[in-house]
Amino acid sequence: MTIDQISQPITAQTVLEALTRAVERELDRKRRLGHYYVTWENGQAVFHGEDAPVSVGHTQKPQ
């Protein structure tokens, strides 16, 4: 990181955009490698991908 980058204000929107890009890149990488990924939807873990487990023994609320 350069001094010029540090002098710019960091907003919640900037952080959200950076996190969104990072997650999109990682999910794309997992898809290309053929790995499954997990999301949390409607109070349950949802597995995505061809090699994803069929069912889960139990679900917990994410922390």
N, C-alpha and C. Protein backbone atom coordinates (compact mmCIF):
# COMPACT_ATOMS: atom_id res chain seq x y z
N MET A 1 0.85 -1.18 0.00
CA MET A 1 0.00 0.00 0.00
C MET A 1 0.89 1.24 0.00
N THR A 2 0.54 2.22 -0.82
CA THR A 2 1.34 3.44 -0.89
C THR A 2 0.72 4.51 -0.01
N ILE A 3 1.47 5.56 0.21
CA ILE A 3 0.97 6.67 1.03
C ILE A 3 -0.25 7.31 0.38
N ASP A 4 -0.27 7.40 -0.95
CA ASP A 4 -1.42 7.98 -1.65
C ASP A 4 -2.69 7.18 -1.38
N GLN A 5 -2.58 5.86 -1.33
CA GLN A 5 -3.74 5.03 -1.06
C GLN A 5 -4.23 5.21 0.37
N ILE A 6 -3.33 5.41 1.29
CA ILE A 6 -3.71 5.56 2.70
C ILE A 6 -4.44 6.88 2.91
N SER A 7 -4.09 7.93 2.17
CA SER A 7 -4.68 9.24 2.39
C SER A 7 -6.14 9.33 1.93
N GLN A 8 -6.60 8.38 1.13
CA GLN A 8 -7.98 8.39 0.69
C GLN A 8 -8.87 7.85 1.80
N PRO A 9 -10.04 8.47 2.00
CA PRO A 9 -10.93 7.98 3.06
C PRO A 9 -11.48 6.59 2.75
N ILE A 10 -11.56 5.77 3.77
CA ILE A 10 -12.12 4.43 3.62
C ILE A 10 -13.56 4.49 4.12
N THR A 11 -14.49 4.19 3.23
CA THR A 11 -15.91 4.23 3.59
C THR A 11 -16.45 2.81 3.70
N ALA A 12 -17.61 2.69 4.27
CA ALA A 12 -18.27 1.38 4.37
C ALA A 12 -18.53 0.83 2.97
N GLN A 13 -18.87 1.69 2.04
CA GLN A 13 -19.12 1.26 0.66
C GLN A 13 -17.86 0.71 0.03
N THR A 14 -16.72 1.35 0.28
CA THR A 14 -15.44 0.88 -0.26
C THR A 14 -15.11 -0.50 0.28
N VAL A 15 -15.32 -0.69 1.57
CA VAL A 15 -15.05 -1.98 2.20
C VAL A 15 -15.98 -3.05 1.63
N LEU A 16 -17.26 -2.73 1.51
CA LEU A 16 -18.23 -3.68 0.95
C LEU A 16 -17.85 -4.08 -0.47
N GLU A 17 -17.47 -3.13 -1.29
CA GLU A 17 -17.07 -3.43 -2.66
C GLU A 17 -15.83 -4.33 -2.70
N ALA A 18 -14.87 -4.06 -1.84
CA ALA A 18 -13.65 -4.88 -1.79
C ALA A 18 -13.98 -6.31 -1.36
N LEU A 19 -14.82 -6.45 -0.36
CA LEU A 19 -15.21 -7.79 0.11
C LEU A 19 -16.00 -8.54 -0.96
N THR A 20 -16.89 -7.84 -1.64
CA THR A 20 -17.69 -8.45 -2.70
C THR A 20 -16.79 -8.97 -3.82
N ARG A 21 -15.81 -8.16 -4.24
CA ARG A 21 -14.87 -8.60 -5.28
C ARG A 21 -14.06 -9.81 -4.82
N ALA A 22 -13.61 -9.80 -3.57
CA ALA A 22 -12.82 -10.92 -3.06
C ALA A 22 -13.63 -12.21 -3.04
N VAL A 23 -14.88 -12.13 -2.61
CA VAL A 23 -15.73 -13.32 -2.56
C VAL A 23 -16.03 -13.82 -3.97
N GLU A 24 -16.33 -12.91 -4.89
CA GLU A 24 -16.59 -13.30 -6.28
C GLU A 24 -15.38 -14.01 -6.88
N ARG A 25 -14.18 -13.49 -6.63
CA ARG A 25 -12.96 -14.13 -7.15
C ARG A 25 -12.78 -15.52 -6.56
N GLU A 26 -12.99 -15.66 -5.26
CA GLU A 26 -12.80 -16.96 -4.62
C GLU A 26 -13.84 -17.97 -5.09
N LEU A 27 -15.10 -17.57 -5.23
CA LEU A 27 -16.12 -18.49 -5.74
C LEU A 27 -15.81 -18.90 -7.17
N ASP A 28 -15.34 -17.97 -7.98
CA ASP A 28 -14.96 -18.30 -9.35
C ASP A 28 -13.80 -19.30 -9.36
N ARG A 29 -12.83 -19.10 -8.48
CA ARG A 29 -11.70 -20.02 -8.39
C ARG A 29 -12.17 -21.41 -8.00
N LYS A 30 -13.07 -21.49 -7.01
CA LYS A 30 -13.59 -22.79 -6.58
C LYS A 30 -14.34 -23.48 -7.72
N ARG A 31 -15.14 -22.73 -8.47
CA ARG A 31 -15.86 -23.32 -9.60
C ARG A 31 -14.88 -23.87 -10.64
N ARG A 32 -13.85 -23.09 -10.98
CA ARG A 32 -12.88 -23.53 -11.98
C ARG A 32 -12.12 -24.77 -11.52
N LEU A 33 -11.84 -24.87 -10.23
CA LEU A 33 -11.12 -26.03 -9.70
C LEU A 33 -12.03 -27.23 -9.47
N GLY A 34 -13.34 -27.01 -9.58
CA GLY A 34 -14.29 -28.11 -9.36
C GLY A 34 -14.59 -28.35 -7.89
N HIS A 35 -14.30 -27.37 -7.05
CA HIS A 35 -14.59 -27.50 -5.62
C HIS A 35 -16.00 -27.00 -5.33
N TYR A 36 -16.61 -27.56 -4.30
CA TYR A 36 -17.92 -27.05 -3.91
C TYR A 36 -17.75 -25.89 -2.93
N TYR A 37 -18.82 -25.12 -2.76
CA TYR A 37 -18.82 -24.04 -1.78
C TYR A 37 -20.15 -24.05 -1.05
N VAL A 38 -20.18 -23.40 0.09
CA VAL A 38 -21.35 -23.42 0.97
C VAL A 38 -21.83 -22.00 1.19
N THR A 39 -23.15 -21.81 1.11
CA THR A 39 -23.76 -20.53 1.46
C THR A 39 -24.79 -20.78 2.56
N TRP A 40 -25.20 -19.73 3.22
CA TRP A 40 -26.21 -19.82 4.27
C TRP A 40 -27.48 -19.17 3.73
N GLU A 41 -28.54 -19.98 3.55
CA GLU A 41 -29.79 -19.48 2.98
C GLU A 41 -30.97 -19.98 3.80
N ASN A 42 -31.83 -19.06 4.19
CA ASN A 42 -33.05 -19.40 4.93
C ASN A 42 -32.75 -20.25 6.16
N GLY A 43 -31.68 -19.92 6.88
CA GLY A 43 -31.36 -20.61 8.11
C GLY A 43 -30.71 -21.98 7.94
N GLN A 44 -30.26 -22.29 6.73
CA GLN A 44 -29.64 -23.59 6.47
C GLN A 44 -28.39 -23.44 5.61
N ALA A 45 -27.45 -24.36 5.81
CA ALA A 45 -26.28 -24.42 4.94
C ALA A 45 -26.70 -25.04 3.62
N VAL A 46 -26.33 -24.39 2.52
CA VAL A 46 -26.65 -24.89 1.19
C VAL A 46 -25.34 -25.14 0.45
N PHE A 47 -25.16 -26.38 -0.02
CA PHE A 47 -23.94 -26.78 -0.70
C PHE A 47 -24.13 -26.62 -2.21
N HIS A 48 -23.15 -26.03 -2.89
CA HIS A 48 -23.21 -25.79 -4.33
C HIS A 48 -22.02 -26.47 -5.00
N GLY A 49 -22.25 -27.02 -6.18
CA GLY A 49 -21.17 -27.62 -6.95
C GLY A 49 -21.41 -29.09 -7.21
N GLU A 50 -20.73 -29.61 -8.23
CA GLU A 50 -20.93 -31.01 -8.62
C GLU A 50 -20.52 -31.99 -7.54
N ASP A 51 -19.48 -31.69 -6.78
CA ASP A 51 -19.00 -32.62 -5.77
C ASP A 51 -19.51 -32.28 -4.37
N ALA A 52 -20.54 -31.45 -4.29
CA ALA A 52 -21.09 -31.04 -2.99
C ALA A 52 -21.76 -32.22 -2.29
N PRO A 53 -21.63 -32.29 -0.96
CA PRO A 53 -22.34 -33.33 -0.22
C PRO A 53 -23.84 -33.22 -0.45
N VAL A 54 -24.53 -34.36 -0.41
CA VAL A 54 -25.97 -34.39 -0.67
C VAL A 54 -26.75 -33.85 0.51
N SER A 55 -26.35 -34.21 1.72
CA SER A 55 -27.09 -33.74 2.89
C SER A 55 -26.11 -33.42 4.00
N VAL A 56 -26.63 -32.72 4.98
CA VAL A 56 -25.84 -32.31 6.13
C VAL A 56 -26.43 -32.96 7.36
N GLY A 57 -25.57 -33.45 8.25
CA GLY A 57 -26.05 -34.08 9.48
C GLY A 57 -26.85 -33.12 10.34
N HIS A 58 -26.38 -31.89 10.46
CA HIS A 58 -27.09 -30.86 11.22
C HIS A 58 -26.61 -29.50 10.74
N THR A 59 -27.41 -28.49 11.01
CA THR A 59 -27.01 -27.14 10.65
C THR A 59 -26.96 -26.30 11.90
N GLN A 60 -26.14 -25.29 11.86
CA GLN A 60 -26.02 -24.35 12.96
C GLN A 60 -26.07 -22.95 12.38
N LYS A 61 -26.48 -22.02 13.22
CA LYS A 61 -26.48 -20.63 12.81
C LYS A 61 -25.03 -20.17 12.69
N PRO A 62 -24.67 -19.49 11.60
CA PRO A 62 -23.28 -19.04 11.46
C PRO A 62 -22.96 -18.00 12.52
N GLN A 63 -21.72 -17.97 12.91
CA GLN A 63 -21.31 -17.01 13.95
C GLN A 63 -20.58 -15.85 13.36
